[in-house]
Every structure is written in structure tokens, then in C-alpha cells.
Protein backbone atom coordinates (compact mmCIF):
# COMPACT_ATOMS: atom_id res chain seq x y z
CA MET A 1 0.93 -16.49 -1.87
CA PRO A 2 -0.82 -14.15 -4.27
CA GLU A 3 0.77 -12.67 -7.37
CA ILE A 4 1.73 -9.01 -7.37
CA GLN A 5 0.27 -7.08 -10.30
CA ARG A 6 0.61 -3.47 -11.34
CA LEU A 7 -2.76 -1.73 -11.16
CA ARG A 8 -4.70 -1.70 -14.44
CA ALA A 9 -8.18 -0.77 -15.61
CA GLY A 10 -9.39 -4.38 -15.47
CA HIS A 11 -8.79 -4.53 -11.72
CA ALA A 12 -11.57 -2.05 -10.90
CA ALA A 13 -14.33 -4.50 -9.93
CA ALA A 14 -12.08 -6.75 -7.81
CA LEU A 15 -10.46 -3.76 -6.12
CA LEU A 16 -13.82 -2.21 -5.28
CA ALA A 17 -14.99 -5.54 -3.82
CA PHE A 18 -11.81 -5.72 -1.71
CA GLU A 19 -12.28 -2.18 -0.37
CA ARG A 20 -15.98 -2.75 0.42
CA GLU A 21 -15.44 -6.13 2.10
CA ASN A 22 -12.69 -4.75 4.32
CA ARG A 23 -13.94 -1.23 4.98
CA ALA A 24 -14.76 -1.72 8.66
CA TYR A 25 -11.56 -3.71 9.24
CA PHE A 26 -9.40 -0.96 7.71
CA ALA A 27 -11.28 1.81 9.56
CA ALA A 28 -10.26 0.24 12.87
CA SER A 29 -6.62 1.16 12.26
CA ILE A 30 -6.56 3.87 9.57
CA PRO A 31 -8.97 6.68 8.63
CA ASP A 32 -12.00 5.53 6.65
CA ARG A 33 -12.02 6.46 2.97
CA GLY A 34 -15.54 7.87 3.29
CA ASP A 35 -18.69 7.26 1.30
CA ALA A 36 -17.56 9.47 -1.58
CA TYR A 37 -14.66 7.10 -2.30
CA PHE A 38 -17.09 4.26 -2.96
CA ALA A 39 -19.69 6.38 -4.77
CA ARG A 40 -17.07 7.76 -7.18
CA PHE A 41 -14.82 4.69 -7.33
CA GLU A 42 -14.63 4.43 -11.14
CA GLU A 43 -13.57 8.05 -11.44
CA ARG A 44 -10.98 7.59 -8.68
CA HIS A 45 -9.66 4.42 -10.32
CA ARG A 46 -9.14 6.25 -13.62
CA ALA A 47 -7.34 9.05 -11.77
CA LEU A 48 -4.99 6.55 -10.11
CA LEU A 49 -4.17 5.02 -13.48
CA ALA A 50 -3.40 8.49 -14.86
CA GLU A 51 -1.06 9.21 -11.93
CA GLN A 52 0.65 5.88 -12.51
CA GLU A 53 1.02 6.61 -16.23
CA ALA A 54 2.60 9.97 -15.32
CA GLY A 55 5.13 8.15 -13.11
CA VAL A 56 4.27 9.95 -9.88
CA CYS A 57 2.82 6.78 -8.30
CA HIS A 58 3.12 3.01 -8.68
CA PHE A 59 0.11 0.99 -7.54
CA HIS A 60 0.20 -2.77 -6.97
CA LEU A 61 -2.37 -5.39 -6.07
CA LEU A 62 -1.84 -8.77 -4.45
CA VAL A 63 -4.14 -11.03 -6.47
CA ASP A 64 -4.98 -14.72 -6.01
CA GLY A 65 -5.44 -17.24 -8.82
CA ASP A 66 -9.16 -16.43 -9.05
CA GLY A 67 -8.55 -12.70 -9.51
CA ALA A 68 -9.60 -11.73 -5.97
CA VAL A 69 -7.60 -8.92 -4.38
CA TRP A 70 -5.83 -9.87 -1.14
CA GLY A 71 -4.07 -6.54 -0.67
CA ARG A 72 -2.50 -3.39 -2.01
CA VAL A 73 1.05 -2.07 -1.87
CA ASN A 74 1.50 1.42 -3.27
CA LEU A 75 4.34 3.83 -3.88
CA VAL A 76 3.12 7.42 -4.00
CA ASP A 77 4.67 10.86 -4.25
CA VAL A 78 7.57 9.55 -6.32
CA ALA A 79 10.28 12.21 -6.62
CA ASP A 80 14.05 12.48 -6.45
CA GLY A 81 14.58 8.72 -6.16
CA ALA A 82 12.23 8.31 -3.22
CA ALA A 83 8.57 7.46 -2.58
CA GLU A 84 6.05 6.92 0.21
CA LEU A 85 5.03 3.29 0.73
CA GLY A 86 1.53 2.34 1.86
CA PHE A 87 -0.10 -1.07 2.15
CA ARG A 88 -3.20 -2.89 3.34
CA VAL A 89 -4.32 -6.52 3.25
CA ALA A 90 -7.70 -8.18 3.58
CA GLU A 91 -8.79 -9.17 7.06
CA ARG A 92 -9.09 -12.81 5.99
CA VAL A 93 -5.35 -13.01 5.16
CA ALA A 94 -3.97 -10.73 7.89
CA GLY A 95 -1.25 -12.32 10.00
CA ARG A 96 -0.26 -14.82 7.31
CA GLY A 97 2.78 -13.01 5.87
CA VAL A 98 0.90 -11.59 2.88
CA ALA A 99 1.68 -7.95 3.71
CA SER A 100 5.36 -8.68 4.40
CA ALA A 101 5.74 -10.62 1.15
CA GLY A 102 4.01 -7.86 -0.82
CA VAL A 103 6.11 -5.09 0.72
CA ARG A 104 9.32 -7.05 0.07
CA ARG A 105 8.36 -7.56 -3.59
CA VAL A 106 7.47 -3.89 -4.08
CA CYS A 107 10.81 -2.89 -2.51
CA GLU A 108 12.49 -5.06 -5.18
CA LEU A 109 10.40 -3.43 -7.91
CA ALA A 110 11.19 0.02 -6.51
CA VAL A 111 14.85 -0.56 -7.32
CA ALA A 112 14.69 -2.72 -10.44
CA GLU A 113 11.74 -1.16 -12.26
CA TYR A 114 11.32 2.35 -10.87
CA GLY A 115 14.92 3.33 -10.07
CA LEU A 116 14.19 4.37 -6.50
CA SER A 117 16.83 4.54 -3.78
CA SER A 118 14.72 5.06 -0.65
CA LEU A 119 11.22 4.62 0.69
CA ARG A 120 9.35 6.31 3.53
CA ALA A 121 6.39 4.90 5.44
CA SER A 122 4.27 5.76 8.45
CA ALA A 123 2.15 3.70 10.82
CA ALA A 124 -0.09 4.65 13.72
CA VAL A 125 1.42 3.89 17.11
CA ASP A 126 -1.51 1.58 17.85
CA ASN A 127 -1.18 -0.29 14.52
CA ALA A 128 1.13 -3.06 15.71
CA GLY A 129 0.59 -5.13 12.56
CA SER A 130 1.80 -2.44 10.18
CA ARG A 131 4.73 -1.55 12.44
CA ALA A 132 5.74 -5.24 12.49
CA VAL A 133 5.55 -5.50 8.69
CA LEU A 134 7.76 -2.44 8.32
CA ALA A 135 10.32 -3.81 10.79
CA ARG A 136 10.37 -7.24 9.10
CA THR A 137 10.92 -5.68 5.69
CA GLY A 138 13.92 -3.55 6.58
CA PHE A 139 12.38 -0.21 7.50
CA THR A 140 13.96 1.75 10.34
CA HIS A 141 12.06 3.96 12.79
CA VAL A 142 13.28 7.55 12.40
CA GLY A 143 10.76 9.69 14.25
CA GLU A 144 7.22 10.54 15.16
CA VAL A 145 4.44 11.91 13.01
CA GLU A 146 0.77 12.79 13.35
CA LEU A 147 -1.57 10.69 11.20
CA ASN A 148 -5.01 12.29 10.93
CA GLY A 149 -4.88 13.40 14.55
CA ARG A 150 -3.40 10.14 15.83
CA PRO A 151 0.17 9.59 17.00
CA GLY A 152 2.28 7.74 14.46
CA LEU A 153 5.78 6.62 13.73
CA ARG A 154 7.90 7.46 10.70
CA PHE A 155 10.08 4.86 8.98
CA VAL A 156 12.61 4.83 6.13
CA ARG A 157 14.31 2.13 4.10
CA GLU A 158 17.34 2.72 1.94
CA LEU A 159 17.24 0.50 -1.14
CA VAL A 160 20.17 -1.21 -2.80
CA GLY A 161 20.21 -2.45 -6.37
């Protein structure tokens, strides 16, 4: 399994490679980031690091021994002891437990390092893989939501220290 690392400036090249290599795969289940994301990646990366430094987000990468990114697990919109969890893994490692392991580890960090008590997450109704990861990692379905014009499901997980 890959190591989980907090996002840092030195991850930029590997993260961009991960996003480019998996762009079509991700776009099949979630909205595409668009060409501007890739054209202005360095600027966006710096902005993410600033958000993380401010404590409003916590970004994590799943990195193998060679420094290649296998996935991302992020906590965004941190406020009042809660955050929104989002994740994605490379097509080449999908279905191998990488996403579940990463989400579990970030849930541990959410309590131990960031002092959070609950997480929210959403997944498109037709994204069976993400729904399965959320179920396996202790999230409970609490309702429906619209995700960029697509039907989705809302999940929560209460965290214990």
C-alpha cells in the first residue's frame, strides 16, 4: 500500500502527472476539471497549499515508494469540527483497496491531527465504487443531493478519538 503524505510544494509534478494520466477515467464518474485546471496547475497548487496553511483544508496524497501518486484524499471546508471528504484513486489501482485504506487513514488523521468530530461526503448514484468505499469506511447514507446536475447521495461519519 502507498504511504499517505500531506500535500506539499514538492508534490506538484507527480500530482499533475496523476491528474493528466487519469483525466478520462475520472471524468467518467465525476465532472472533468477542465482545461484551465491543467493550464494553470502551478497556480492552483500554490493556492491549495495556502488554504492548507490557513487550516481550512487538509490535502493528502497516496504515494508509492517511487514518488508516484496513486490517489488523493482531501478534507475541505473545515469548520466547527467538521469537514467534507473527497477522494480519487488512479485507474490502475482502482478496486485494490487503495481508496478504502486512504480514507480510513485520513479519518484517523481527522481526529488525531486536525481535531475533527465529523465528516461529510457525497457520491453520484451511479458511482458504485465511491459509494462502496464510503460504506466500508463507516460513512452512513443520510440523504440525497445533486452533484453538478447528477443525482447523488449524501453521507456522514461521526469520528471518535
